[in-house]
Amino acid sequence: MIIFFLTVGLLLAGILYRRYYPVKGVPCIDKEGSFNGSSNIVDIRDFAGSGSGSKPSARTLHIPYAYLKRHYREISQEPIHVIAANKLELNLGLRFLMKKGFHVTGYSLIDCPCQQKNAS
């Protein structure tokens, strides 16, 4: 019985870590600020929310997180900048993209403005 509870506890801890623990090493860049122009922009918000809050450009690729597993091959291997609607979507999307070998240079959240931190 102890082994059962230990297994369930470890599975639950893994799920909570994956969804809610922030991804380290990827800086938050203000959506109104400038970010590296050589990066492609990957917008992982849903289709209904992707039209608001950002200026579309030729280097923007809209792939909602729900479709990311099917369409991640459409993303070029250049460095990317991720736009997400909330922290949960961001954490899941960043972990998936980094697992697939993409170099993520930064991210922007639409729900809250990023605060540049001096700590590295």
PDB file of N, CA and C in Angstrom:
ATOM      1  N   MET A   1       0.820  -1.189   0.000  1.00  0.00           N
ATOM      2  CA  MET A   1       0.000   0.000   0.000  1.00  0.00           C
ATOM      3  C   MET A   1       0.867   1.257   0.000  1.00  0.00           C
ATOM      4  N   ILE A   2       1.966   1.211   0.717  1.00  0.00           N
ATOM      5  CA  ILE A   2       2.874   2.353   0.761  1.00  0.00           C
ATOM      6  C   ILE A   2       3.472   2.596  -0.621  1.00  0.00           C
ATOM      7  N   ILE A   3       3.796   1.529  -1.330  1.00  0.00           N
ATOM      8  CA  ILE A   3       4.356   1.670  -2.671  1.00  0.00           C
ATOM      9  C   ILE A   3       3.340   2.322  -3.601  1.00  0.00           C
ATOM     10  N   PHE A   4       2.078   1.998  -3.477  1.00  0.00           N
ATOM     11  CA  PHE A   4       1.022   2.594  -4.288  1.00  0.00           C
ATOM     12  C   PHE A   4       0.943   4.096  -4.046  1.00  0.00           C
ATOM     13  N   PHE A   5       0.899   4.511  -2.787  1.00  0.00           N
ATOM     14  CA  PHE A   5       0.813   5.937  -2.464  1.00  0.00           C
ATOM     15  C   PHE A   5       2.078   6.682  -2.882  1.00  0.00           C
ATOM     16  N   LEU A   6       3.215   6.035  -2.748  1.00  0.00           N
ATOM     17  CA  LEU A   6       4.473   6.650  -3.174  1.00  0.00           C
ATOM     18  C   LEU A   6       4.479   6.855  -4.695  1.00  0.00           C
ATOM     19  N   THR A   7       4.016   5.869  -5.440  1.00  0.00           N
ATOM     20  CA  THR A   7       3.945   5.971  -6.895  1.00  0.00           C
ATOM     21  C   THR A   7       2.978   7.070  -7.327  1.00  0.00           C
ATOM     22  N   VAL A   8       1.811   7.099  -6.726  1.00  0.00           N
ATOM     23  CA  VAL A   8       0.821   8.134  -7.048  1.00  0.00           C
ATOM     24  C   VAL A   8       1.364   9.514  -6.685  1.00  0.00           C
ATOM     25  N   GLY A   9       2.034   9.633  -5.562  1.00  0.00           N
ATOM     26  CA  GLY A   9       2.617  10.902  -5.143  1.00  0.00           C
ATOM     27  C   GLY A   9       3.689  11.388  -6.108  1.00  0.00           C
ATOM     28  N   LEU A  10       4.532  10.482  -6.576  1.00  0.00           N
ATOM     29  CA  LEU A  10       5.574  10.860  -7.528  1.00  0.00           C
ATOM     30  C   LEU A  10       4.984  11.267  -8.875  1.00  0.00           C
ATOM     31  N   LEU A  11       3.976  10.562  -9.329  1.00  0.00           N
ATOM     32  CA  LEU A  11       3.308  10.939 -10.577  1.00  0.00           C
ATOM     33  C   LEU A  11       2.652  12.317 -10.467  1.00  0.00           C
ATOM     34  N   LEU A  12       1.987  12.566  -9.365  1.00  0.00           N
ATOM     35  CA  LEU A  12       1.351  13.860  -9.136  1.00  0.00           C
ATOM     36  C   LEU A  12       2.391  14.978  -9.060  1.00  0.00           C
ATOM     37  N   ALA A  13       3.500  14.731  -8.392  1.00  0.00           N
ATOM     38  CA  ALA A  13       4.566  15.728  -8.300  1.00  0.00           C
ATOM     39  C   ALA A  13       5.145  16.029  -9.684  1.00  0.00           C
ATOM     40  N   GLY A  14       5.312  15.010 -10.515  1.00  0.00           N
ATOM     41  CA  GLY A  14       5.823  15.215 -11.870  1.00  0.00           C
ATOM     42  C   GLY A  14       4.886  16.040 -12.722  1.00  0.00           C
ATOM     43  N   ILE A  15       3.595  15.769 -12.612  1.00  0.00           N
ATOM     44  CA  ILE A  15       2.598  16.521 -13.375  1.00  0.00           C
ATOM     45  C   ILE A  15       2.568  17.980 -12.930  1.00  0.00           C
ATOM     46  N   LEU A  16       2.576  18.212 -11.631  1.00  0.00           N
ATOM     47  CA  LEU A  16       2.556  19.587 -11.116  1.00  0.00           C
ATOM     48  C   LEU A  16       3.825  20.343 -11.497  1.00  0.00           C
ATOM     49  N   TYR A  17       4.965  19.669 -11.465  1.00  0.00           N
ATOM     50  CA  TYR A  17       6.228  20.307 -11.851  1.00  0.00           C
ATOM     51  C   TYR A  17       6.171  20.724 -13.318  1.00  0.00           C
ATOM     52  N   ARG A  18       5.751  19.852 -14.177  1.00  0.00           N
ATOM     53  CA  ARG A  18       5.723  20.120 -15.613  1.00  0.00           C
ATOM     54  C   ARG A  18       4.797  21.282 -15.950  1.00  0.00           C
ATOM     55  N   ARG A  19       3.687  21.384 -15.256  1.00  0.00           N
ATOM     56  CA  ARG A  19       2.701  22.409 -15.584  1.00  0.00           C
ATOM     57  C   ARG A  19       2.971  23.761 -14.921  1.00  0.00           C
ATOM     58  N   TYR A  20       3.439  23.769 -13.697  1.00  0.00           N
ATOM     59  CA  TYR A  20       3.479  25.017 -12.937  1.00  0.00           C
ATOM     60  C   TYR A  20       4.864  25.547 -12.597  1.00  0.00           C
ATOM     61  N   TYR A  21       5.909  24.736 -12.662  1.00  0.00           N
ATOM     62  CA  TYR A  21       7.247  25.218 -12.339  1.00  0.00           C
ATOM     63  C   TYR A  21       7.815  25.940 -13.554  1.00  0.00           C
ATOM     64  N   PRO A  22       8.281  27.178 -13.398  1.00  0.00           N
ATOM     65  CA  PRO A  22       8.754  27.947 -14.554  1.00  0.00           C
ATOM     66  C   PRO A  22       9.999  27.327 -15.190  1.00  0.00           C
ATOM     67  N   VAL A  23      10.122  27.510 -16.492  1.00  0.00           N
ATOM     68  CA  VAL A  23      11.277  27.023 -17.238  1.00  0.00           C
ATOM     69  C   VAL A  23      12.421  28.002 -17.015  1.00  0.00           C
ATOM     70  N   LYS A  24      13.542  27.511 -16.558  1.00  0.00           N
ATOM     71  CA  LYS A  24      14.704  28.355 -16.273  1.00  0.00           C
ATOM     72  C   LYS A  24      15.533  28.564 -17.533  1.00  0.00           C
ATOM     73  N   GLY A  25      16.175  29.709 -17.613  1.00  0.00           N
ATOM     74  CA  GLY A  25      17.088  29.990 -18.709  1.00  0.00           C
ATOM     75  C   GLY A  25      16.461  30.658 -19.920  1.00  0.00           C
ATOM     76  N   VAL A  26      15.155  30.927 -19.879  1.00  0.00           N
ATOM     77  CA  VAL A  26      14.483  31.610 -20.982  1.00  0.00           C
ATOM     78  C   VAL A  26      13.975  32.937 -20.444  1.00  0.00           C
ATOM     79  N   PRO A  27      14.508  34.056 -20.942  1.00  0.00           N
ATOM     80  CA  PRO A  27      14.118  35.359 -20.384  1.00  0.00           C
ATOM     81  C   PRO A  27      12.756  35.833 -20.862  1.00  0.00           C
ATOM     82  N   CYS A  28      12.094  36.574 -20.000  1.00  0.00           N
ATOM     83  CA  CYS A  28      10.834  37.226 -20.335  1.00  0.00           C
ATOM     84  C   CYS A  28      11.163  38.569 -20.982  1.00  0.00           C
ATOM     85  N   ILE A  29      10.585  38.806 -22.145  1.00  0.00           N
ATOM     86  CA  ILE A  29      10.828  40.052 -22.865  1.00  0.00           C
ATOM     87  C   ILE A  29       9.490  40.745 -23.044  1.00  0.00           C
ATOM     88  N   ASP A  30       9.430  42.002 -22.680  1.00  0.00           N
ATOM     89  CA  ASP A  30       8.195  42.771 -22.770  1.00  0.00           C
ATOM     90  C   ASP A  30       7.675  42.754 -24.202  1.00  0.00           C
ATOM     91  N   LYS A  31       6.369  42.538 -24.359  1.00  0.00           N
ATOM     92  CA  LYS A  31       5.780  42.456 -25.703  1.00  0.00           C
ATOM     93  C   LYS A  31       5.912  43.764 -26.459  1.00  0.00           C
ATOM     94  N   GLU A  32       5.977  44.890 -25.761  1.00  0.00           N
ATOM     95  CA  GLU A  32       6.142  46.174 -26.432  1.00  0.00           C
ATOM     96  C   GLU A  32       7.613  46.502 -26.638  1.00  0.00           C
ATOM     97  N   GLY A  33       8.487  45.835 -25.889  1.00  0.00           N
ATOM     98  CA  GLY A  33       9.908  46.074 -26.021  1.00  0.00           C
ATOM     99  C   GLY A  33      10.461  45.399 -27.248  1.00  0.00           C
ATOM    100  N   SER A  34      11.723  45.645 -27.487  1.00  0.00           N
ATOM    101  CA  SER A  34      12.332  45.030 -28.661  1.00  0.00           C
ATOM    102  C   SER A  34      13.036  43.755 -28.242  1.00  0.00           C
ATOM    103  N   PHE A  35      12.911  42.758 -29.077  1.00  0.00           N
ATOM    104  CA  PHE A  35      13.638  41.528 -28.865  1.00  0.00           C
ATOM    105  C   PHE A  35      14.459  41.267 -30.108  1.00  0.00           C
ATOM    106  N   ASN A  36      15.302  40.279 -30.048  1.00  0.00           N
ATOM    107  CA  ASN A  36      16.204  39.979 -31.140  1.00  0.00           C
ATOM    108  C   ASN A  36      15.424  39.784 -32.433  1.00  0.00           C
ATOM    109  N   GLY A  37      15.612  40.661 -33.395  1.00  0.00           N
ATOM    110  CA  GLY A  37      14.879  40.614 -34.645  1.00  0.00           C
ATOM    111  C   GLY A  37      15.195  39.404 -35.493  1.00  0.00           C
ATOM    112  N   SER A  38      16.276  38.697 -35.187  1.00  0.00           N
ATOM    113  CA  SER A  38      16.625  37.516 -35.977  1.00  0.00           C
ATOM    114  C   SER A  38      15.835  36.293 -35.536  1.00  0.00           C
ATOM    115  N   SER A  39      15.041  36.411 -34.498  1.00  0.00           N
ATOM    116  CA  SER A  39      14.251  35.285 -34.010  1.00  0.00           C
ATOM    117  C   SER A  39      12.921  35.205 -34.738  1.00  0.00           C
ATOM    118  N   ASN A  40      12.490  33.996 -35.017  1.00  0.00           N
ATOM    119  CA  ASN A  40      11.135  33.778 -35.506  1.00  0.00           C
ATOM    120  C   ASN A  40      10.205  33.838 -34.312  1.00  0.00           C
ATOM    121  N   ILE A  41       8.971  34.257 -34.536  1.00  0.00           N
ATOM    122  CA  ILE A  41       7.991  34.353 -33.466  1.00  0.00           C
ATOM    123  C   ILE A  41       7.018  33.195 -33.605  1.00  0.00           C
ATOM    124  N   VAL A  42       6.839  32.427 -32.522  1.00  0.00           N
ATOM    125  CA  VAL A  42       5.883  31.339 -32.496  1.00  0.00           C
ATOM    126  C   VAL A  42       4.810  31.709 -31.481  1.00  0.00           C
ATOM    127  N   ASP A  43       3.592  31.899 -31.973  1.00  0.00           N
ATOM    128  CA  ASP A  43       2.464  32.277 -31.138  1.00  0.00           C
ATOM    129  C   ASP A  43       1.702  31.004 -30.786  1.00  0.00           C
ATOM    130  N   ILE A  44       1.734  30.586 -29.500  1.00  0.00           N
ATOM    131  CA  ILE A  44       1.093  29.335 -29.099  1.00  0.00           C
ATOM    132  C   ILE A  44      -0.271  29.571 -28.437  1.00  0.00           C
ATOM    133  N   ARG A  45      -0.801  30.792 -28.571  1.00  0.00           N
ATOM    134  CA  ARG A  45      -2.147  31.056 -28.053  1.00  0.00           C
ATOM    135  C   ARG A  45      -3.170  30.409 -28.954  1.00  0.00           C
ATOM    136  N   ASP A  46      -4.402  30.235 -28.453  1.00  0.00           N
ATOM    137  CA  ASP A  46      -5.448  29.665 -29.292  1.00  0.00           C
ATOM    138  C   ASP A  46      -5.796  30.636 -30.419  1.00  0.00           C
ATOM    139  N   PHE A  47      -6.466  30.139 -31.428  1.00  0.00           N
ATOM    140  CA  PHE A  47      -6.764  30.962 -32.604  1.00  0.00           C
ATOM    141  C   PHE A  47      -7.602  32.181 -32.256  1.00  0.00           C
ATOM    142  N   ALA A  48      -8.516  32.068 -31.304  1.00  0.00           N
ATOM    143  CA  ALA A  48      -9.376  33.195 -30.940  1.00  0.00           C
ATOM    144  C   ALA A  48      -8.584  34.314 -30.285  1.00  0.00           C
ATOM    145  N   GLY A  49      -7.552  33.994 -29.526  1.00  0.00           N
ATOM    146  CA  GLY A  49      -6.789  35.011 -28.816  1.00  0.00           C
ATOM    147  C   GLY A  49      -5.541  35.475 -29.518  1.00  0.00           C
ATOM    148  N   SER A  50      -5.165  34.851 -30.622  1.00  0.00           N
ATOM    149  CA  SER A  50      -3.898  35.197 -31.254  1.00  0.00           C
ATOM    150  C   SER A  50      -3.952  36.496 -32.037  1.00  0.00           C
ATOM    151  N   GLY A  51      -5.127  36.975 -32.381  1.00  0.00           N
ATOM    152  CA  GLY A  51      -5.227  38.205 -33.153  1.00  0.00           C
ATOM    153  C   GLY A  51      -5.087  39.460 -32.323  1.00  0.00           C
ATOM    154  N   SER A  52      -5.233  39.342 -31.006  1.00  0.00           N
ATOM    155  CA  SER A  52      -5.175  40.538 -30.166  1.00  0.00           C
ATOM    156  C   SER A  52      -3.886  40.590 -29.384  1.00  0.00           C
ATOM    157  N   GLY A  53      -3.369  41.781 -29.194  1.00  0.00           N
ATOM    158  CA  GLY A  53      -2.234  41.970 -28.315  1.00  0.00           C
ATOM    159  C   GLY A  53      -0.875  41.927 -28.971  1.00  0.00           C
ATOM    160  N   SER A  54      -0.772  41.612 -30.243  1.00  0.00           N
ATOM    161  CA  SER A  54       0.526  41.613 -30.891  1.00  0.00           C
ATOM    162  C   SER A  54       0.371  42.006 -32.346  1.00  0.00           C
ATOM    163  N   LYS A  55       1.443  42.534 -32.901  1.00  0.00           N
ATOM    164  CA  LYS A  55       1.430  42.928 -34.296  1.00  0.00           C
ATOM    165  C   LYS A  55       1.896  41.741 -35.133  1.00  0.00           C
ATOM    166  N   PRO A  56       1.094  41.314 -36.100  1.00  0.00           N
ATOM    167  CA  PRO A  56       1.525  40.202 -36.937  1.00  0.00           C
ATOM    168  C   PRO A  56       2.675  40.630 -37.843  1.00  0.00           C
ATOM    169  N   SER A  57       3.587  39.722 -38.102  1.00  0.00           N
ATOM    170  CA  SER A  57       4.684  39.998 -39.008  1.00  0.00           C
ATOM    171  C   SER A  57       4.912  38.779 -39.880  1.00  0.00           C
ATOM    172  N   ALA A  58       5.799  38.932 -40.841  1.00  0.00           N
ATOM    173  CA  ALA A  58       6.076  37.832 -41.760  1.00  0.00           C
ATOM    174  C   ALA A  58       6.760  36.680 -41.044  1.00  0.00           C
ATOM    175  N   ARG A  59       7.416  36.954 -39.923  1.00  0.00           N
ATOM    176  CA  ARG A  59       8.153  35.921 -39.203  1.00  0.00           C
ATOM    177  C   ARG A  59       7.340  35.290 -38.081  1.00  0.00           C
ATOM    178  N   THR A  60       6.034  35.591 -38.020  1.00  0.00           N
ATOM    179  CA  THR A  60       5.167  35.043 -36.977  1.00  0.00           C
ATOM    180  C   THR A  60       4.473  33.788 -37.479  1.00  0.00           C
ATOM    181  N   LEU A  61       4.539  32.753 -36.667  1.00  0.00           N
ATOM    182  CA  LEU A  61       3.884  31.487 -36.985  1.00  0.00           C
ATOM    183  C   LEU A  61       2.892  31.187 -35.874  1.00  0.00           C
ATOM    184  N   HIS A  62       1.612  31.052 -36.208  1.00  0.00           N
ATOM    185  CA  HIS A  62       0.568  30.773 -35.221  1.00  0.00           C
ATOM    186  C   HIS A  62       0.310  29.276 -35.159  1.00  0.00           C
ATOM    187  N   ILE A  63       0.733  28.666 -34.062  1.00  0.00           N
ATOM    188  CA  ILE A  63       0.455  27.254 -33.810  1.00  0.00           C
ATOM    189  C   ILE A  63      -0.018  27.154 -32.366  1.00  0.00           C
ATOM    190  N   PRO A  64      -1.311  27.032 -32.128  1.00  0.00           N
ATOM    191  CA  PRO A  64      -1.800  26.902 -30.756  1.00  0.00           C
ATOM    192  C   PRO A  64      -1.179  25.684 -30.066  1.00  0.00           C
ATOM    193  N   TYR A  65      -1.056  25.765 -28.750  1.00  0.00           N
ATOM    194  CA  TYR A  65      -0.425  24.676 -28.008  1.00  0.00           C
ATOM    195  C   TYR A  65      -1.108  23.337 -28.282  1.00  0.00           C
ATOM    196  N   ALA A  66      -2.414  23.335 -28.439  1.00  0.00           N
ATOM    197  CA  ALA A  66      -3.138  22.091 -28.691  1.00  0.00           C
ATOM    198  C   ALA A  66      -2.700  21.422 -29.995  1.00  0.00           C
ATOM    199  N   TYR A  67      -2.205  22.200 -30.955  1.00  0.00           N
ATOM    200  CA  TYR A  67      -1.775  21.670 -32.245  1.00  0.00           C
ATOM    201  C   TYR A  67      -0.251  21.558 -32.356  1.00  0.00           C
ATOM    202  N   LEU A  68       0.467  21.921 -31.335  1.00  0.00           N
ATOM    203  CA  LEU A  68       1.923  21.983 -31.399  1.00  0.00           C
ATOM    204  C   LEU A  68       2.547  20.617 -31.664  1.00  0.00           C
ATOM    205  N   LYS A  69       2.017  19.566 -31.065  1.00  0.00           N
ATOM    206  CA  LYS A  69       2.593  18.233 -31.263  1.00  0.00           C
ATOM    207  C   LYS A  69       2.458  17.765 -32.704  1.00  0.00           C
ATOM    208  N   ARG A  70       1.425  18.195 -33.398  1.00  0.00           N
ATOM    209  CA  ARG A  70       1.219  17.795 -34.785  1.00  0.00           C
ATOM    210  C   ARG A  70       1.986  18.647 -35.774  1.00  0.00           C
ATOM    211  N   HIS A  71       2.193  19.929 -35.454  1.00  0.00           N
ATOM    212  CA  HIS A  71       2.718  20.870 -36.433  1.00  0.00           C
ATOM    213  C   HIS A  71       4.055  21.500 -36.053  1.00  0.00           C
ATOM    214  N   TYR A  72       4.768  20.949 -35.085  1.00  0.00           N
ATOM    215  CA  TYR A  72       6.036  21.568 -34.690  1.00  0.00           C
ATOM    216  C   TYR A  72       7.077  21.484 -35.800  1.00  0.00           C
ATOM    217  N   ARG A  73       6.922  20.597 -36.748  1.00  0.00           N
ATOM    218  CA  ARG A  73       7.888  20.467 -37.852  1.00  0.00           C
ATOM    219  C   ARG A  73       7.828  21.657 -38.802  1.00  0.00           C
ATOM    220  N   GLU A  74       6.781  22.458 -38.737  1.00  0.00           N
ATOM    221  CA  GLU A  74       6.668  23.656 -39.572  1.00  0.00           C
ATOM    222  C   GLU A  74       7.556  24.789 -39.063  1.00  0.00           C
ATOM    223  N   ILE A  75       8.047  24.690 -37.856  1.00  0.00           N
ATOM    224  CA  ILE A  75       8.877  25.726 -37.262  1.00  0.00           C
ATOM    225  C   ILE A  75      10.311  25.532 -37.750  1.00  0.00           C
ATOM    226  N   SER A  76      10.924  26.596 -38.238  1.00  0.00           N
ATOM    227  CA  SER A  76      12.307  26.491 -38.705  1.00  0.00           C
ATOM    228  C   SER A  76      13.243  26.314 -37.504  1.00  0.00           C
ATOM    229  N   GLN A  77      14.428  25.839 -37.771  1.00  0.00           N
ATOM    230  CA  GLN A  77      15.388  25.557 -36.707  1.00  0.00           C
ATOM    231  C   GLN A  77      16.148  26.805 -36.246  1.00  0.00           C
ATOM    232  N   GLU A  78      15.750  27.971 -36.697  1.00  0.00           N
ATOM    233  CA  GLU A  78      16.334  29.221 -36.220  1.00  0.00           C
ATOM    234  C   GLU A  78      15.876  29.482 -34.800  1.00  0.00           C
ATOM    235  N   PRO A  79      16.549  30.373 -34.062  1.00  0.00           N
ATOM    236  CA  PRO A  79      16.077  30.730 -32.715  1.00  0.00           C
ATOM    237  C   PRO A  79      14.655  31.280 -32.773  1.00  0.00           C
ATOM    238  N   ILE A  80      13.865  30.979 -31.728  1.00  0.00           N
ATOM    239  CA  ILE A  80      12.464  31.399 -31.724  1.00  0.00           C
ATOM    240  C   ILE A  80      12.139  32.194 -30.466  1.00  0.00           C
ATOM    241  N   HIS A  81      11.128  33.029 -30.598  1.00  0.00           N
ATOM    242  CA  HIS A  81      10.551  33.801 -29.499  1.00  0.00           C
ATOM    243  C   HIS A  81       9.110  33.325 -29.364  1.00  0.00           C
ATOM    244  N   VAL A  82       8.679  32.962 -28.164  1.00  0.00           N
ATOM    245  CA  VAL A  82       7.355  32.376 -27.942  1.00  0.00           C
ATOM    246  C   VAL A  82       6.414  33.407 -27.327  1.00  0.00           C
ATOM    247  N   ILE A  83       5.200  33.487 -27.857  1.00  0.00           N
ATOM    248  CA  ILE A  83       4.147  34.326 -27.286  1.00  0.00           C
ATOM    249  C   ILE A  83       3.067  33.388 -26.743  1.00  0.00           C
ATOM    250  N   ALA A  84       2.689  33.576 -25.484  1.00  0.00           N
ATOM    251  CA  ALA A  84       1.682  32.729 -24.847  1.00  0.00           C
ATOM    252  C   ALA A  84       0.659  33.595 -24.127  1.00  0.00           C
ATOM    253  N   ALA A  85      -0.485  33.003 -23.828  1.00  0.00           N
ATOM    254  CA  ALA A  85      -1.556  33.734 -23.153  1.00  0.00           C
ATOM    255  C   ALA A  85      -1.399  33.725 -21.641  1.00  0.00           C
ATOM    256  N   ASN A  86      -0.872  32.624 -21.078  1.00  0.00           N
ATOM    257  CA  ASN A  86      -0.735  32.532 -19.628  1.00  0.00           C
ATOM    258  C   ASN A  86       0.462  31.647 -19.277  1.00  0.00           C
ATOM    259  N   LYS A  87       0.790  31.590 -18.007  1.00  0.00           N
ATOM    260  CA  LYS A  87       1.969  30.849 -17.548  1.00  0.00           C
ATOM    261  C   LYS A  87       1.858  29.346 -17.797  1.00  0.00           C
ATOM    262  N   LEU A  88       0.681  28.774 -17.617  1.00  0.00           N
ATOM    263  CA  LEU A  88       0.497  27.342 -17.816  1.00  0.00           C
ATOM    264  C   LEU A  88       0.787  26.957 -19.260  1.00  0.00           C
ATOM    265  N   GLU A  89       0.184  27.673 -20.186  1.00  0.00           N
ATOM    266  CA  GLU A  89       0.403  27.428 -21.610  1.00  0.00           C
ATOM    267  C   GLU A  89       1.873  27.637 -21.973  1.00  0.00           C
ATOM    268  N   LEU A  90       2.479  28.647 -21.387  1.00  0.00           N
ATOM    269  CA  LEU A  90       3.883  28.942 -21.642  1.00  0.00           C
ATOM    270  C   LEU A  90       4.787  27.807 -21.166  1.00  0.00           C
ATOM    271  N   ASN A  91       4.599  27.361 -19.928  1.00  0.00           N
ATOM    272  CA  ASN A  91       5.445  26.300 -19.388  1.00  0.00           C
ATOM    273  C   ASN A  91       5.352  25.030 -20.218  1.00  0.00           C
ATOM    274  N   LEU A  92       4.142  24.629 -20.560  1.00  0.00           N
ATOM    275  CA  LEU A  92       3.971  23.408 -21.357  1.00  0.00           C
ATOM    276  C   LEU A  92       4.572  23.570 -22.757  1.00  0.00           C
ATOM    277  N   GLY A  93       4.345  24.717 -23.372  1.00  0.00           N
ATOM    278  CA  GLY A  93       4.872  24.961 -24.716  1.00  0.00           C
ATOM    279  C   GLY A  93       6.384  25.034 -24.751  1.00  0.00           C
ATOM    280  N   LEU A  94       6.980  25.749 -23.793  1.00  0.00           N
ATOM    281  CA  LEU A  94       8.437  25.856 -23.750  1.00  0.00           C
ATOM    282  C   LEU A  94       9.089  24.505 -23.506  1.00  0.00           C
ATOM    283  N   ARG A  95       8.554  23.736 -22.576  1.00  0.00           N
ATOM    284  CA  ARG A  95       9.126  22.409 -22.315  1.00  0.00           C
ATOM    285  C   ARG A  95       9.056  21.524 -23.557  1.00  0.00           C
ATOM    286  N   PHE A  96       7.936  21.568 -24.270  1.00  0.00           N
ATOM    287  CA  PHE A  96       7.796  20.757 -25.474  1.00  0.00           C
ATOM    288  C   PHE A  96       8.790  21.196 -26.548  1.00  0.00           C
ATOM    289  N   LEU A  97       8.862  22.502 -26.814  1.00  0.00           N
ATOM    290  CA  LEU A  97       9.748  22.998 -27.861  1.00  0.00           C
ATOM    291  C   LEU A  97      11.221  22.729 -27.537  1.00  0.00           C
ATOM    292  N   MET A  98      11.600  22.919 -26.299  1.00  0.00           N
ATOM    293  CA  MET A  98      12.989  22.673 -25.915  1.00  0.00           C
ATOM    294  C   MET A  98      13.309  21.175 -25.981  1.00  0.00           C
ATOM    295  N   LYS A  99      12.350  20.349 -25.663  1.00  0.00           N
ATOM    296  CA  LYS A  99      12.536  18.899 -25.757  1.00  0.00           C
ATOM    297  C   LYS A  99      12.755  18.472 -27.210  1.00  0.00           C
ATOM    298  N   LYS A 100      12.117  19.166 -28.137  1.00  0.00           N
ATOM    299  CA  LYS A 100      12.255  18.857 -29.563  1.00  0.00           C
ATOM    300  C   LYS A 100      13.500  19.502 -30.178  1.00  0.00           C
ATOM    301  N   GLY A 101      14.285  20.212 -29.386  1.00  0.00           N
ATOM    302  CA  GLY A 101      15.563  20.739 -29.855  1.00  0.00           C
ATOM    303  C   GLY A 101      15.551  22.170 -30.354  1.00  0.00           C
ATOM    304  N   PHE A 102      14.491  22.911 -30.127  1.00  0.00           N
ATOM    305  CA  PHE A 102      14.439  24.307 -30.561  1.00  0.00           C
ATOM    306  C   PHE A 102      15.171  25.198 -29.564  1.00  0.00           C
ATOM    307  N   HIS A 103      15.811  26.239 -30.084  1.00  0.00           N
ATOM    308  CA  HIS A 103      16.492  27.217 -29.229  1.00  0.00           C
ATOM    309  C   HIS A 103      15.547  28.392 -29.006  1.00  0.00           C
ATOM    310  N   VAL A 104      15.031  28.512 -27.787  1.00  0.00           N
ATOM    311  CA  VAL A 104      14.080  29.567 -27.450  1.00  0.00           C
ATOM    312  C   VAL A 104      14.863  30.727 -26.840  1.00  0.00           C
ATOM    313  N   THR A 105      14.810  31.897 -27.495  1.00  0.00           N
ATOM    314  CA  THR A 105      15.568  33.056 -27.035  1.00  0.00           C
ATOM    315  C   THR A 105      14.824  33.881 -26.000  1.00  0.00           C
ATOM    316  N   GLY A 106      13.490  33.763 -25.958  1.00  0.00           N
ATOM    317  CA  GLY A 106      12.714  34.530 -24.994  1.00  0.00           C
ATOM    318  C   GLY A 106      11.235  34.264 -25.178  1.00  0.00           C
ATOM    319  N   TYR A 107      10.440  34.867 -24.301  1.00  0.00           N
ATOM    320  CA  TYR A 107       8.994  34.707 -24.381  1.00  0.00           C
ATOM    321  C   TYR A 107       8.301  35.981 -23.963  1.00  0.00           C
ATOM    322  N   SER A 108       7.054  36.104 -24.368  1.00  0.00           N
ATOM    323  CA  SER A 108       6.194  37.209 -23.966  1.00  0.00           C
ATOM    324  C   SER A 108       4.862  36.635 -23.522  1.00  0.00           C
ATOM    325  N   LEU A 109       4.329  37.203 -22.458  1.00  0.00           N
ATOM    326  CA  LEU A 109       2.996  36.821 -21.989  1.00  0.00           C
ATOM    327  C   LEU A 109       2.035  37.950 -22.302  1.00  0.00           C
ATOM    328  N   ILE A 110       0.849  37.603 -22.750  1.00  0.00           N
ATOM    329  CA  ILE A 110      -0.148  38.610 -23.086  1.00  0.00           C
ATOM    330  C   ILE A 110      -0.930  39.039 -21.847  1.00  0.00           C
ATOM    331  N   ASP A 111      -1.176  38.117 -20.918  1.00  0.00           N
ATOM    332  CA  ASP A 111      -1.977  38.422 -19.735  1.00  0.00           C
ATOM    333  C   ASP A 111      -1.294  39.366 -18.755  1.00  0.00           C
ATOM    334  N   CYS A 112       0.014  39.356 -18.704  1.00  0.00           N
ATOM    335  CA  CYS A 112       0.702  40.232 -17.750  1.00  0.00           C
ATOM    336  C   CYS A 112       1.962  40.786 -18.389  1.00  0.00           C
ATOM    337  N   PRO A 113       2.292  42.047 -18.098  1.00  0.00           N
ATOM    338  CA  PRO A 113       3.516  42.615 -18.652  1.00  0.00           C
ATOM    339  C   PRO A 113       4.746  42.022 -17.969  1.00  0.00           C
ATOM    340  N   CYS A 114       5.761  41.782 -18.739  1.00  0.00           N
ATOM    341  CA  CYS A 114       7.000  41.218 -18.196  1.00  0.00           C
ATOM    342  C   CYS A 114       7.795  42.316 -17.493  1.00  0.00           C
ATOM    343  N   GLN A 115       8.396  41.936 -16.438  1.00  0.00           N
ATOM    344  CA  GLN A 115       9.282  42.835 -15.717  1.00  0.00           C
ATOM    345  C   GLN A 115      10.711  42.336 -15.929  1.00  0.00           C
ATOM    346  N   GLN A 116      11.541  43.154 -16.520  1.00  0.00           N
ATOM    347  CA  GLN A 116      12.927  42.752 -16.737  1.00  0.00           C
ATOM    348  C   GLN A 116      13.613  42.623 -15.393  1.00  0.00           C
ATOM    349  N   LYS A 117      14.231  41.472 -15.180  1.00  0.00           N
ATOM    350  CA  LYS A 117      14.923  41.222 -13.923  1.00  0.00           C
ATOM    351  C   LYS A 117      16.417  41.286 -14.159  1.00  0.00           C
ATOM    352  N   ASN A 118      17.137  41.868 -13.226  1.00  0.00           N
ATOM    353  CA  ASN A 118      18.589  41.969 -13.354  1.00  0.00           C
ATOM    354  C   ASN A 118      19.275  40.674 -12.965  1.00  0.00           C
ATOM    355  N   ALA A 119      18.584  39.808 -12.251  1.00  0.00           N
ATOM    356  CA  ALA A 119      19.179  38.534 -11.854  1.00  0.00           C
ATOM    357  C   ALA A 119      19.233  37.605 -13.056  1.00  0.00           C
ATOM    358  N   SER A 120      20.292  36.811 -13.144  1.00  0.00           N
ATOM    359  CA  SER A 120      20.407  35.901 -14.265  1.00  0.00           C
ATOM    360  C   SER A 120      20.106  34.501 -13.930  1.00  0.00           C
TER     361      SER A 120
END
